[in-house]
Amino acid sequence: MKQMPLSRKLIIILTSLLFAVYAAYNVFLIVRDYTILPPLGIIIYATVALMFAVFPLYLLTAGIQGKKHIRFLIFRRISFIVALSVIFLLKLRMIPSVIASLDSSKPYTVFYVGAYLMTQAALLILLIFFVFVLGRFPLYPRALVVLPVLAIILFAGSLALEAVLYFVYGIGLEANTLRTLVIRPVFYLGFICLSAYFLFPPEAATAPPVKQESK
């Protein structure tokens, strides 16, 4: 495993902790409410917990490189894509009901719909970035920076809009204060840190190409 900069190590640790907390909270909900949750609800919570557990594993194995680990690296990449895709699709299914709640006479609904759509856009950007841009440097040098920064802006904007909903309009998007004030920010901060992580690519991706001597 190669040594990595301290800033990269710190963001890996912070991001992993945030996602681990979010995954653990979903497990806690299953344990606490399994007697009253419908089967579909248990499946969704379990799926979310599993998908969010993939991110810390992906980050904490960032130093593993080399051809001898090629199978693991392929599995690692596919697992990340699956996890991010599942999270995106789980939230995507709610868009019709979210948009249906929009009422121009009630300003808070604009904030709610805006926050939800911004989150979806940010997740899609991360997915596109990981699948089509990351690992293809220097084919898309600008996208390597622009897309993670754009994702950070959108996630931060969603968090800000939800803060306005709660602190200005007194509307929490969850049934209890803990989930509104702690767990939802953990979700956004986790993805903000994940997006920032991609701004610190491995040395192999940023190193200049080796010039071959002309024969």
N, C-alpha and C. Protein backbone atom coordinates (compact mmCIF):
# COMPACT_ATOMS: atom_id res chain seq x y z
N MET A 1 0.83 -1.19 0.00
CA MET A 1 0.00 0.00 0.00
C MET A 1 0.87 1.24 0.00
N LYS A 2 0.55 2.18 -0.85
CA LYS A 2 1.33 3.40 -0.97
C LYS A 2 0.93 4.40 0.09
N GLN A 3 1.95 5.21 0.48
CA GLN A 3 1.67 6.29 1.40
C GLN A 3 0.82 7.34 0.69
N MET A 4 -0.12 7.93 1.44
CA MET A 4 -0.96 8.97 0.86
C MET A 4 -0.86 10.21 1.72
N PRO A 5 -1.14 11.39 1.13
CA PRO A 5 -1.06 12.64 1.89
C PRO A 5 -1.98 12.61 3.11
N LEU A 6 -1.59 13.37 4.14
CA LEU A 6 -2.36 13.42 5.38
C LEU A 6 -3.77 13.94 5.13
N SER A 7 -3.91 14.95 4.24
CA SER A 7 -5.23 15.50 3.94
C SER A 7 -6.15 14.43 3.37
N ARG A 8 -5.62 13.57 2.54
CA ARG A 8 -6.41 12.48 1.95
C ARG A 8 -6.80 11.47 3.02
N LYS A 9 -5.87 11.16 3.93
CA LYS A 9 -6.17 10.23 5.01
C LYS A 9 -7.28 10.76 5.91
N LEU A 10 -7.19 12.05 6.24
CA LEU A 10 -8.18 12.66 7.13
C LEU A 10 -9.58 12.65 6.52
N ILE A 11 -9.65 12.96 5.23
CA ILE A 11 -10.97 13.00 4.58
C ILE A 11 -11.54 11.60 4.43
N ILE A 12 -10.67 10.61 4.26
CA ILE A 12 -11.12 9.22 4.21
C ILE A 12 -11.72 8.81 5.56
N ILE A 13 -11.01 9.16 6.64
CA ILE A 13 -11.49 8.80 7.98
C ILE A 13 -12.81 9.49 8.29
N LEU A 14 -12.89 10.81 8.01
CA LEU A 14 -14.10 11.56 8.31
C LEU A 14 -15.29 11.05 7.50
N THR A 15 -15.07 10.84 6.20
CA THR A 15 -16.15 10.37 5.34
C THR A 15 -16.62 8.98 5.75
N SER A 16 -15.68 8.12 6.08
CA SER A 16 -16.03 6.76 6.50
C SER A 16 -16.85 6.78 7.79
N LEU A 17 -16.47 7.63 8.73
CA LEU A 17 -17.22 7.74 9.98
C LEU A 17 -18.64 8.22 9.75
N LEU A 18 -18.80 9.22 8.88
CA LEU A 18 -20.13 9.76 8.61
C LEU A 18 -21.03 8.71 7.97
N PHE A 19 -20.51 8.00 6.99
CA PHE A 19 -21.32 6.98 6.33
C PHE A 19 -21.58 5.79 7.26
N ALA A 20 -20.61 5.46 8.10
CA ALA A 20 -20.82 4.37 9.05
C ALA A 20 -21.93 4.72 10.04
N VAL A 21 -21.96 5.97 10.48
CA VAL A 21 -23.02 6.42 11.38
C VAL A 21 -24.38 6.31 10.70
N TYR A 22 -24.45 6.72 9.43
CA TYR A 22 -25.73 6.67 8.71
C TYR A 22 -26.18 5.22 8.51
N ALA A 23 -25.24 4.35 8.18
CA ALA A 23 -25.58 2.93 8.01
C ALA A 23 -26.03 2.32 9.34
N ALA A 24 -25.31 2.65 10.42
CA ALA A 24 -25.65 2.11 11.72
C ALA A 24 -27.03 2.58 12.19
N TYR A 25 -27.38 3.82 11.86
CA TYR A 25 -28.68 4.33 12.27
C TYR A 25 -29.81 3.56 11.59
N ASN A 26 -29.62 3.20 10.33
CA ASN A 26 -30.65 2.42 9.63
C ASN A 26 -30.78 1.02 10.22
N VAL A 27 -29.67 0.44 10.65
CA VAL A 27 -29.73 -0.85 11.34
C VAL A 27 -30.47 -0.69 12.66
N PHE A 28 -30.18 0.39 13.37
CA PHE A 28 -30.86 0.67 14.63
C PHE A 28 -32.37 0.77 14.44
N LEU A 29 -32.81 1.41 13.36
CA LEU A 29 -34.24 1.53 13.09
C LEU A 29 -34.88 0.17 12.89
N ILE A 30 -34.17 -0.73 12.21
CA ILE A 30 -34.70 -2.08 12.00
C ILE A 30 -34.85 -2.81 13.33
N VAL A 31 -33.81 -2.73 14.16
CA VAL A 31 -33.82 -3.42 15.45
C VAL A 31 -34.92 -2.85 16.35
N ARG A 32 -35.07 -1.52 16.32
CA ARG A 32 -36.04 -0.88 17.21
C ARG A 32 -37.47 -1.12 16.77
N ASP A 33 -37.71 -1.07 15.45
CA ASP A 33 -39.09 -1.06 14.96
C ASP A 33 -39.47 -2.29 14.15
N TYR A 34 -38.69 -3.38 14.24
CA TYR A 34 -38.96 -4.53 13.37
C TYR A 34 -40.36 -5.12 13.59
N THR A 35 -40.92 -4.93 14.78
CA THR A 35 -42.25 -5.50 15.05
C THR A 35 -43.37 -4.71 14.39
N ILE A 36 -43.12 -3.45 14.05
CA ILE A 36 -44.17 -2.62 13.46
C ILE A 36 -43.88 -2.26 12.00
N LEU A 37 -42.64 -2.51 11.57
CA LEU A 37 -42.30 -2.18 10.19
C LEU A 37 -42.87 -3.21 9.23
N PRO A 38 -43.39 -2.77 8.09
CA PRO A 38 -43.81 -3.74 7.07
C PRO A 38 -42.57 -4.38 6.44
N PRO A 39 -42.72 -5.53 5.82
CA PRO A 39 -41.56 -6.20 5.22
C PRO A 39 -40.80 -5.29 4.24
N LEU A 40 -41.55 -4.52 3.44
CA LEU A 40 -40.88 -3.63 2.49
C LEU A 40 -40.04 -2.59 3.22
N GLY A 41 -40.53 -2.09 4.33
CA GLY A 41 -39.78 -1.10 5.10
C GLY A 41 -38.48 -1.68 5.64
N ILE A 42 -38.54 -2.91 6.13
CA ILE A 42 -37.33 -3.58 6.63
C ILE A 42 -36.32 -3.78 5.49
N ILE A 43 -36.83 -4.18 4.33
CA ILE A 43 -35.95 -4.39 3.18
C ILE A 43 -35.27 -3.09 2.77
N ILE A 44 -36.03 -2.00 2.75
CA ILE A 44 -35.47 -0.70 2.34
C ILE A 44 -34.41 -0.25 3.34
N TYR A 45 -34.72 -0.32 4.64
CA TYR A 45 -33.74 0.09 5.65
C TYR A 45 -32.48 -0.77 5.57
N ALA A 46 -32.66 -2.08 5.39
CA ALA A 46 -31.51 -2.98 5.30
C ALA A 46 -30.67 -2.68 4.06
N THR A 47 -31.36 -2.39 2.96
CA THR A 47 -30.65 -2.07 1.72
C THR A 47 -29.86 -0.78 1.87
N VAL A 48 -30.49 0.24 2.45
CA VAL A 48 -29.80 1.52 2.66
C VAL A 48 -28.59 1.33 3.56
N ALA A 49 -28.75 0.58 4.64
CA ALA A 49 -27.63 0.33 5.55
C ALA A 49 -26.48 -0.37 4.84
N LEU A 50 -26.81 -1.37 4.03
CA LEU A 50 -25.78 -2.11 3.30
C LEU A 50 -25.08 -1.23 2.29
N MET A 51 -25.85 -0.43 1.56
CA MET A 51 -25.25 0.43 0.53
C MET A 51 -24.33 1.48 1.15
N PHE A 52 -24.75 2.05 2.28
CA PHE A 52 -23.91 3.07 2.92
C PHE A 52 -22.69 2.45 3.59
N ALA A 53 -22.77 1.16 3.93
CA ALA A 53 -21.61 0.47 4.49
C ALA A 53 -20.54 0.23 3.43
N VAL A 54 -20.94 0.22 2.16
CA VAL A 54 -19.99 0.01 1.06
C VAL A 54 -19.01 1.18 0.96
N PHE A 55 -19.49 2.40 1.20
CA PHE A 55 -18.64 3.58 1.02
C PHE A 55 -17.42 3.59 1.94
N PRO A 56 -17.58 3.33 3.26
CA PRO A 56 -16.38 3.27 4.10
C PRO A 56 -15.41 2.18 3.66
N LEU A 57 -15.93 1.03 3.23
CA LEU A 57 -15.05 -0.05 2.76
C LEU A 57 -14.30 0.38 1.51
N TYR A 58 -14.99 1.10 0.63
CA TYR A 58 -14.34 1.60 -0.58
C TYR A 58 -13.22 2.57 -0.23
N LEU A 59 -13.50 3.49 0.68
CA LEU A 59 -12.53 4.52 1.04
C LEU A 59 -11.34 3.95 1.81
N LEU A 60 -11.62 3.06 2.75
CA LEU A 60 -10.56 2.53 3.60
C LEU A 60 -9.64 1.56 2.87
N THR A 61 -10.04 1.14 1.67
CA THR A 61 -9.16 0.27 0.86
C THR A 61 -8.55 1.04 -0.30
N ALA A 62 -8.52 2.37 -0.17
CA ALA A 62 -8.02 3.21 -1.26
C ALA A 62 -6.54 2.99 -1.56
N GLY A 63 -5.79 2.51 -0.56
CA GLY A 63 -4.36 2.33 -0.78
C GLY A 63 -3.99 1.04 -1.48
N ILE A 64 -4.96 0.16 -1.70
CA ILE A 64 -4.67 -1.11 -2.35
C ILE A 64 -4.59 -0.91 -3.86
N GLN A 65 -3.45 -1.20 -4.41
CA GLN A 65 -3.22 -1.04 -5.85
C GLN A 65 -2.38 -2.19 -6.36
N GLY A 66 -2.24 -2.24 -7.67
CA GLY A 66 -1.39 -3.26 -8.27
C GLY A 66 -2.16 -4.35 -8.98
N LYS A 67 -1.49 -4.99 -9.94
CA LYS A 67 -2.13 -6.02 -10.75
C LYS A 67 -2.51 -7.25 -9.94
N LYS A 68 -1.79 -7.52 -8.87
CA LYS A 68 -2.10 -8.72 -8.08
C LYS A 68 -3.42 -8.58 -7.33
N HIS A 69 -3.92 -7.35 -7.24
CA HIS A 69 -5.20 -7.11 -6.56
C HIS A 69 -6.30 -6.76 -7.56
N ILE A 70 -6.11 -7.09 -8.82
CA ILE A 70 -7.02 -6.63 -9.87
C ILE A 70 -8.45 -7.10 -9.64
N ARG A 71 -8.64 -8.32 -9.19
CA ARG A 71 -10.01 -8.83 -8.95
C ARG A 71 -10.69 -8.05 -7.84
N PHE A 72 -9.94 -7.81 -6.78
CA PHE A 72 -10.51 -7.04 -5.68
C PHE A 72 -10.84 -5.61 -6.13
N LEU A 73 -9.98 -5.00 -6.91
CA LEU A 73 -10.20 -3.63 -7.36
C LEU A 73 -11.43 -3.54 -8.28
N ILE A 74 -11.61 -4.57 -9.11
CA ILE A 74 -12.81 -4.59 -9.97
C ILE A 74 -14.06 -4.72 -9.10
N PHE A 75 -14.02 -5.63 -8.12
CA PHE A 75 -15.15 -5.81 -7.21
C PHE A 75 -15.41 -4.52 -6.42
N ARG A 76 -14.35 -3.87 -5.99
CA ARG A 76 -14.46 -2.62 -5.24
C ARG A 76 -15.15 -1.54 -6.06
N ARG A 77 -14.76 -1.42 -7.31
CA ARG A 77 -15.35 -0.41 -8.19
C ARG A 77 -16.83 -0.72 -8.47
N ILE A 78 -17.11 -1.97 -8.79
CA ILE A 78 -18.49 -2.36 -9.09
C ILE A 78 -19.38 -2.16 -7.86
N SER A 79 -18.88 -2.50 -6.68
CA SER A 79 -19.66 -2.34 -5.45
C SER A 79 -20.01 -0.87 -5.22
N PHE A 80 -19.07 0.01 -5.48
CA PHE A 80 -19.32 1.45 -5.30
C PHE A 80 -20.39 1.92 -6.28
N ILE A 81 -20.28 1.50 -7.53
CA ILE A 81 -21.26 1.90 -8.54
C ILE A 81 -22.65 1.39 -8.17
N VAL A 82 -22.74 0.13 -7.74
CA VAL A 82 -24.03 -0.44 -7.35
C VAL A 82 -24.62 0.32 -6.17
N ALA A 83 -23.79 0.60 -5.15
CA ALA A 83 -24.27 1.29 -3.96
C ALA A 83 -24.80 2.68 -4.30
N LEU A 84 -24.05 3.43 -5.08
CA LEU A 84 -24.47 4.79 -5.43
C LEU A 84 -25.71 4.75 -6.32
N SER A 85 -25.78 3.78 -7.23
CA SER A 85 -26.94 3.65 -8.12
C SER A 85 -28.20 3.31 -7.33
N VAL A 86 -28.07 2.39 -6.37
CA VAL A 86 -29.24 1.99 -5.57
C VAL A 86 -29.75 3.16 -4.75
N ILE A 87 -28.85 3.92 -4.13
CA ILE A 87 -29.27 5.09 -3.35
C ILE A 87 -29.96 6.11 -4.25
N PHE A 88 -29.41 6.33 -5.43
CA PHE A 88 -30.02 7.27 -6.38
C PHE A 88 -31.41 6.80 -6.78
N LEU A 89 -31.55 5.51 -7.07
CA LEU A 89 -32.85 4.98 -7.52
C LEU A 89 -33.88 4.97 -6.39
N LEU A 90 -33.44 4.69 -5.16
CA LEU A 90 -34.37 4.71 -4.03
C LEU A 90 -34.95 6.10 -3.82
N LYS A 91 -34.11 7.12 -4.00
CA LYS A 91 -34.61 8.49 -3.86
C LYS A 91 -35.38 8.92 -5.11
N LEU A 92 -35.01 8.37 -6.25
CA LEU A 92 -35.67 8.74 -7.50
C LEU A 92 -37.15 8.35 -7.49
N ARG A 93 -37.46 7.24 -6.85
CA ARG A 93 -38.85 6.76 -6.84
C ARG A 93 -39.78 7.73 -6.13
N MET A 94 -39.22 8.63 -5.31
CA MET A 94 -40.04 9.56 -4.54
C MET A 94 -40.27 10.89 -5.25
N ILE A 95 -39.62 11.09 -6.39
CA ILE A 95 -39.71 12.39 -7.06
C ILE A 95 -41.14 12.78 -7.44
N PRO A 96 -41.97 11.88 -8.00
CA PRO A 96 -43.35 12.28 -8.33
C PRO A 96 -44.12 12.84 -7.14
N SER A 97 -44.02 12.17 -5.98
CA SER A 97 -44.75 12.67 -4.81
C SER A 97 -44.14 13.95 -4.29
N VAL A 98 -42.83 14.10 -4.42
CA VAL A 98 -42.18 15.33 -3.98
C VAL A 98 -42.62 16.51 -4.83
N ILE A 99 -42.62 16.33 -6.14
CA ILE A 99 -43.04 17.40 -7.04
C ILE A 99 -44.52 17.72 -6.86
N ALA A 100 -45.32 16.69 -6.57
CA ALA A 100 -46.76 16.90 -6.37
C ALA A 100 -47.04 17.76 -5.15
N SER A 101 -46.09 17.81 -4.21
CA SER A 101 -46.27 18.62 -3.01
C SER A 101 -45.98 20.10 -3.25
N LEU A 102 -45.47 20.43 -4.43
CA LEU A 102 -45.11 21.82 -4.73
C LEU A 102 -46.37 22.69 -4.81
N ASP A 103 -46.35 23.78 -4.07
CA ASP A 103 -47.47 24.73 -4.03
C ASP A 103 -46.87 26.13 -3.99
N SER A 104 -47.05 26.87 -5.06
CA SER A 104 -46.44 28.21 -5.16
C SER A 104 -46.94 29.16 -4.08
N SER A 105 -48.12 28.88 -3.51
CA SER A 105 -48.65 29.74 -2.44
C SER A 105 -48.01 29.44 -1.09
N LYS A 106 -47.25 28.35 -1.04
CA LYS A 106 -46.55 27.97 0.20
C LYS A 106 -45.06 27.91 -0.09
N PRO A 107 -44.33 28.97 0.25
CA PRO A 107 -42.90 29.06 -0.10
C PRO A 107 -42.07 27.89 0.41
N TYR A 108 -42.46 27.32 1.56
CA TYR A 108 -41.64 26.24 2.12
C TYR A 108 -41.63 25.01 1.22
N THR A 109 -42.69 24.82 0.42
CA THR A 109 -42.69 23.66 -0.48
C THR A 109 -41.65 23.82 -1.58
N VAL A 110 -41.37 25.07 -1.96
CA VAL A 110 -40.34 25.34 -2.97
C VAL A 110 -38.97 24.92 -2.43
N PHE A 111 -38.71 25.25 -1.15
CA PHE A 111 -37.45 24.86 -0.53
C PHE A 111 -37.33 23.34 -0.45
N TYR A 112 -38.43 22.69 -0.10
CA TYR A 112 -38.43 21.24 0.03
C TYR A 112 -38.14 20.56 -1.30
N VAL A 113 -38.88 20.96 -2.33
CA VAL A 113 -38.68 20.36 -3.65
C VAL A 113 -37.29 20.70 -4.17
N GLY A 114 -36.85 21.94 -3.96
CA GLY A 114 -35.52 22.35 -4.41
C GLY A 114 -34.43 21.52 -3.77
N ALA A 115 -34.53 21.29 -2.46
CA ALA A 115 -33.52 20.50 -1.76
C ALA A 115 -33.49 19.06 -2.28
N TYR A 116 -34.65 18.49 -2.53
CA TYR A 116 -34.72 17.11 -2.99
C TYR A 116 -34.12 16.97 -4.39
N LEU A 117 -34.50 17.88 -5.27
CA LEU A 117 -34.00 17.81 -6.65
C LEU A 117 -32.50 18.09 -6.73
N MET A 118 -32.03 19.00 -5.89
CA MET A 118 -30.59 19.28 -5.86
C MET A 118 -29.81 18.06 -5.38
N THR A 119 -30.37 17.35 -4.41
CA THR A 119 -29.71 16.13 -3.93
C THR A 119 -29.65 15.07 -5.02
N GLN A 120 -30.76 14.92 -5.74
CA GLN A 120 -30.78 13.95 -6.84
C GLN A 120 -29.78 14.32 -7.93
N ALA A 121 -29.71 15.59 -8.24
CA ALA A 121 -28.76 16.05 -9.26
C ALA A 121 -27.33 15.78 -8.82
N ALA A 122 -27.05 16.03 -7.54
CA ALA A 122 -25.70 15.81 -7.03
C ALA A 122 -25.33 14.33 -7.06
N LEU A 123 -26.28 13.46 -6.68
CA LEU A 123 -26.02 12.01 -6.74
C LEU A 123 -25.76 11.55 -8.17
N LEU A 124 -26.55 12.09 -9.10
CA LEU A 124 -26.35 11.73 -10.51
C LEU A 124 -24.99 12.20 -11.01
N ILE A 125 -24.59 13.39 -10.61
CA ILE A 125 -23.28 13.92 -11.02
C ILE A 125 -22.17 13.02 -10.48
N LEU A 126 -22.27 12.61 -9.22
CA LEU A 126 -21.26 11.72 -8.65
C LEU A 126 -21.20 10.39 -9.40
N LEU A 127 -22.37 9.88 -9.75
CA LEU A 127 -22.43 8.60 -10.47
C LEU A 127 -21.78 8.74 -11.85
N ILE A 128 -22.13 9.79 -12.57
CA ILE A 128 -21.54 10.03 -13.88
C ILE A 128 -20.03 10.21 -13.76
N PHE A 129 -19.62 10.97 -12.75
CA PHE A 129 -18.20 11.22 -12.53
C PHE A 129 -17.45 9.90 -12.30
N PHE A 130 -18.00 9.06 -11.43
CA PHE A 130 -17.29 7.83 -11.07
C PHE A 130 -17.25 6.85 -12.24
N VAL A 131 -18.34 6.76 -12.98
CA VAL A 131 -18.42 5.77 -14.05
C VAL A 131 -17.66 6.21 -15.30
N PHE A 132 -17.80 7.49 -15.66
CA PHE A 132 -17.31 7.93 -16.97
C PHE A 132 -16.06 8.81 -16.92
N VAL A 133 -15.73 9.37 -15.76
CA VAL A 133 -14.61 10.31 -15.71
C VAL A 133 -13.44 9.77 -14.90
N LEU A 134 -13.70 9.33 -13.68
CA LEU A 134 -12.63 8.85 -12.81
C LEU A 134 -11.94 7.65 -13.43
N GLY A 135 -10.63 7.68 -13.44
CA GLY A 135 -9.86 6.61 -14.04
C GLY A 135 -9.56 6.82 -15.51
N ARG A 136 -10.18 7.85 -16.11
CA ARG A 136 -9.93 8.16 -17.51
C ARG A 136 -9.13 9.45 -17.68
N PHE A 137 -8.53 9.92 -16.59
CA PHE A 137 -7.63 11.07 -16.63
C PHE A 137 -6.45 10.71 -17.52
N PRO A 138 -5.96 11.56 -18.42
CA PRO A 138 -6.32 12.97 -18.58
C PRO A 138 -7.29 13.24 -19.72
N LEU A 139 -8.19 12.29 -20.03
CA LEU A 139 -9.15 12.53 -21.10
C LEU A 139 -10.12 13.65 -20.74
N TYR A 140 -10.47 13.73 -19.45
CA TYR A 140 -11.42 14.76 -19.00
C TYR A 140 -10.83 15.54 -17.83
N PRO A 141 -9.77 16.29 -18.06
CA PRO A 141 -9.10 16.97 -16.93
C PRO A 141 -9.98 17.99 -16.22
N ARG A 142 -10.82 18.71 -16.96
CA ARG A 142 -11.68 19.70 -16.31
C ARG A 142 -12.79 19.03 -15.51
N ALA A 143 -13.39 18.00 -16.09
CA ALA A 143 -14.48 17.30 -15.40
C ALA A 143 -13.98 16.67 -14.11
N LEU A 144 -12.69 16.33 -14.05
CA LEU A 144 -12.11 15.72 -12.87
C LEU A 144 -12.23 16.63 -11.64
N VAL A 145 -12.30 17.93 -11.90
CA VAL A 145 -12.42 18.92 -10.82
C VAL A 145 -13.82 19.50 -10.76
N VAL A 146 -14.36 19.84 -11.94
CA VAL A 146 -15.65 20.55 -11.99
C VAL A 146 -16.79 19.72 -11.41
N LEU A 147 -16.86 18.45 -11.76
CA LEU A 147 -17.99 17.62 -11.30
C LEU A 147 -18.02 17.43 -9.79
N PRO A 148 -16.89 17.07 -9.14
CA PRO A 148 -16.94 16.98 -7.68
C PRO A 148 -17.28 18.30 -7.00
N VAL A 149 -16.75 19.41 -7.53
CA VAL A 149 -17.06 20.73 -6.95
C VAL A 149 -18.54 21.04 -7.11
N LEU A 150 -19.10 20.73 -8.27
CA LEU A 150 -20.52 20.96 -8.49
C LEU A 150 -21.37 20.11 -7.55
N ALA A 151 -20.95 18.86 -7.34
CA ALA A 151 -21.67 17.99 -6.40
C ALA A 151 -21.63 18.56 -4.98
N ILE A 152 -20.47 19.07 -4.58
CA ILE A 152 -20.33 19.68 -3.25
C ILE A 152 -21.29 20.86 -3.11
N ILE A 153 -21.35 21.71 -4.13
CA ILE A 153 -22.23 22.88 -4.09
C ILE A 153 -23.69 22.46 -3.96
N LEU A 154 -24.09 21.43 -4.71
CA LEU A 154 -25.49 20.98 -4.68
C LEU A 154 -25.84 20.34 -3.34
N PHE A 155 -24.96 19.50 -2.81
CA PHE A 155 -25.23 18.89 -1.51
C PHE A 155 -25.28 19.95 -0.42
N ALA A 156 -24.35 20.90 -0.47
CA ALA A 156 -24.35 21.97 0.53
C ALA A 156 -25.60 22.83 0.39
N GLY A 157 -26.04 23.07 -0.85
CA GLY A 157 -27.25 23.84 -1.08
C GLY A 157 -28.48 23.13 -0.54
N SER A 158 -28.53 21.81 -0.70
CA SER A 158 -29.65 21.02 -0.16
C SER A 158 -29.68 21.10 1.35
N LEU A 159 -28.51 20.99 1.97
CA LEU A 159 -28.43 21.08 3.42
C LEU A 159 -28.88 22.46 3.91
N ALA A 160 -28.47 23.50 3.17
CA ALA A 160 -28.86 24.87 3.54
C ALA A 160 -30.37 25.06 3.43
N LEU A 161 -30.97 24.52 2.37
CA LEU A 161 -32.42 24.65 2.19
C LEU A 161 -33.18 23.92 3.30
N GLU A 162 -32.70 22.76 3.68
CA GLU A 162 -33.35 22.03 4.77
C GLU A 162 -33.19 22.78 6.10
N ALA A 163 -32.06 23.45 6.26
CA ALA A 163 -31.87 24.26 7.47
C ALA A 163 -32.87 25.42 7.51
N VAL A 164 -33.12 26.02 6.34
CA VAL A 164 -34.11 27.10 6.26
C VAL A 164 -35.49 26.55 6.61
N LEU A 165 -35.82 25.38 6.09
CA LEU A 165 -37.12 24.77 6.38
C LEU A 165 -37.31 24.58 7.88
N TYR A 166 -36.27 24.13 8.55
CA TYR A 166 -36.42 23.81 9.97
C TYR A 166 -36.35 25.07 10.84
N PHE A 167 -35.35 25.91 10.61
CA PHE A 167 -35.12 27.03 11.51
C PHE A 167 -35.97 28.26 11.19
N VAL A 168 -36.44 28.36 9.95
CA VAL A 168 -37.28 29.51 9.57
C VAL A 168 -38.76 29.14 9.59
N TYR A 169 -39.09 27.99 8.98
CA TYR A 169 -40.49 27.59 8.89
C TYR A 169 -40.90 26.58 9.95
N GLY A 170 -39.94 26.07 10.70
CA GLY A 170 -40.25 25.10 11.75
C GLY A 170 -40.69 23.76 11.23
N ILE A 171 -40.24 23.43 10.01
CA ILE A 171 -40.65 22.17 9.38
C ILE A 171 -39.46 21.22 9.30
N GLY A 172 -39.57 20.09 9.98
CA GLY A 172 -38.56 19.05 9.88
C GLY A 172 -39.00 17.99 8.89
N LEU A 173 -38.09 17.51 8.10
CA LEU A 173 -38.45 16.53 7.07
C LEU A 173 -38.51 15.11 7.61
N GLU A 174 -38.24 14.95 8.90
CA GLU A 174 -38.30 13.62 9.51
C GLU A 174 -39.26 13.66 10.69
N ALA A 175 -39.61 12.48 11.16
CA ALA A 175 -40.61 12.38 12.23
C ALA A 175 -40.07 12.82 13.58
N ASN A 176 -38.75 12.75 13.76
CA ASN A 176 -38.19 13.15 15.06
C ASN A 176 -37.03 14.11 14.88
N THR A 177 -36.74 14.83 15.94
CA THR A 177 -35.71 15.87 15.90
C THR A 177 -34.32 15.30 15.66
N LEU A 178 -34.03 14.13 16.26
CA LEU A 178 -32.71 13.52 16.10
C LEU A 178 -32.39 13.29 14.63
N ARG A 179 -33.34 12.71 13.90
CA ARG A 179 -33.09 12.41 12.49
C ARG A 179 -33.00 13.69 11.67
N THR A 180 -33.79 14.70 12.04
CA THR A 180 -33.78 15.97 11.30
C THR A 180 -32.50 16.75 11.52
N LEU A 181 -32.05 16.84 12.77
CA LEU A 181 -30.92 17.70 13.10
C LEU A 181 -29.56 16.99 13.09
N VAL A 182 -29.58 15.65 13.12
CA VAL A 182 -28.31 14.93 13.17
C VAL A 182 -28.12 14.02 11.96
N ILE A 183 -29.08 13.11 11.74
CA ILE A 183 -28.89 12.09 10.71
C ILE A 183 -28.93 12.68 9.30
N ARG A 184 -29.86 13.59 9.05
CA ARG A 184 -29.90 14.17 7.71
C ARG A 184 -28.64 14.99 7.40
N PRO A 185 -28.15 15.82 8.33
CA PRO A 185 -26.86 16.47 8.06
C PRO A 185 -25.71 15.48 7.87
N VAL A 186 -25.75 14.36 8.59
CA VAL A 186 -24.71 13.34 8.40
C VAL A 186 -24.74 12.83 6.96
N PHE A 187 -25.95 12.63 6.42
CA PHE A 187 -26.10 12.20 5.03
C PHE A 187 -25.43 13.20 4.08
N TYR A 188 -25.77 14.46 4.24
CA TYR A 188 -25.23 15.48 3.34
C TYR A 188 -23.73 15.68 3.53
N LEU A 189 -23.29 15.74 4.78
CA LEU A 189 -21.87 15.94 5.04
C LEU A 189 -21.04 14.76 4.54
N GLY A 190 -21.61 13.56 4.64
CA GLY A 190 -20.92 12.39 4.11
C GLY A 190 -20.67 12.52 2.62
N PHE A 191 -21.68 12.92 1.88
CA PHE A 191 -21.52 13.05 0.43
C PHE A 191 -20.69 14.28 0.05
N ILE A 192 -20.73 15.31 0.86
CA ILE A 192 -19.85 16.46 0.62
C ILE A 192 -18.39 16.03 0.78
N CYS A 193 -18.11 15.27 1.83
CA CYS A 193 -16.75 14.78 2.05
C CYS A 193 -16.34 13.78 0.97
N LEU A 194 -17.28 12.94 0.53
CA LEU A 194 -16.97 11.99 -0.54
C LEU A 194 -16.61 12.72 -1.83
N SER A 195 -17.37 13.77 -2.14
CA SER A 195 -17.07 14.57 -3.32
C SER A 195 -15.71 15.24 -3.19
N ALA A 196 -15.41 15.73 -1.98
CA ALA A 196 -14.11 16.36 -1.75
C ALA A 196 -12.98 15.34 -1.87
N TYR A 197 -13.26 14.10 -1.46
CA TYR A 197 -12.26 13.03 -1.58
C TYR A 197 -11.81 12.85 -3.03
N PHE A 198 -12.75 12.97 -3.95
CA PHE A 198 -12.41 12.79 -5.36
C PHE A 198 -11.60 13.96 -5.92
N LEU A 199 -11.49 15.04 -5.15
CA LEU A 199 -10.63 16.15 -5.56
C LEU A 199 -9.17 15.89 -5.20
N PHE A 200 -8.92 14.78 -4.46
CA PHE A 200 -7.57 14.38 -4.10
C PHE A 200 -7.28 13.04 -4.77
N PRO A 201 -7.11 13.05 -6.09
CA PRO A 201 -6.91 11.77 -6.80
C PRO A 201 -5.58 11.14 -6.41
N PRO A 202 -5.46 9.83 -6.61
CA PRO A 202 -4.20 9.16 -6.32
C PRO A 202 -3.05 9.77 -7.11
N GLU A 203 -1.85 9.60 -6.60
CA GLU A 203 -0.68 10.19 -7.27
C GLU A 203 -0.55 9.72 -8.71
N ALA A 204 -0.98 8.49 -8.96
CA ALA A 204 -0.87 7.94 -10.32
C ALA A 204 -1.72 8.72 -11.30
N ALA A 205 -2.83 9.29 -10.80
CA ALA A 205 -3.73 10.02 -11.70
C ALA A 205 -3.25 11.42 -11.98
N THR A 206 -2.44 11.98 -11.07
CA THR A 206 -2.03 13.36 -11.24
C THR A 206 -0.60 13.49 -11.73
N ALA A 207 0.12 12.38 -11.74
CA ALA A 207 1.50 12.45 -12.17
C ALA A 207 1.59 12.71 -13.66
N PRO A 208 2.54 13.53 -14.09
CA PRO A 208 2.69 13.81 -15.51
C PRO A 208 3.15 12.58 -16.25
N PRO A 209 2.75 12.43 -17.52
CA PRO A 209 3.14 11.25 -18.28
C PRO A 209 4.64 11.18 -18.48
N VAL A 210 5.18 9.98 -18.47
CA VAL A 210 6.61 9.80 -18.67
C VAL A 210 6.94 9.91 -20.14
N LYS A 211 7.87 10.76 -20.45
CA LYS A 211 8.26 10.96 -21.85
C LYS A 211 9.18 9.84 -22.29
N GLN A 212 8.88 9.29 -23.42
CA GLN A 212 9.72 8.23 -23.96
C GLN A 212 10.78 8.83 -24.87
N GLU A 213 11.99 8.33 -24.72
CA GLU A 213 13.08 8.84 -25.54
C GLU A 213 12.92 8.35 -26.97
N SER A 214 13.12 9.25 -27.90
CA SER A 214 13.02 8.89 -29.31
C SER A 214 14.21 8.07 -29.72
N LYS A 215 13.92 7.03 -30.46
CA LYS A 215 14.99 6.13 -30.89
C LYS A 215 15.61 6.63 -32.20
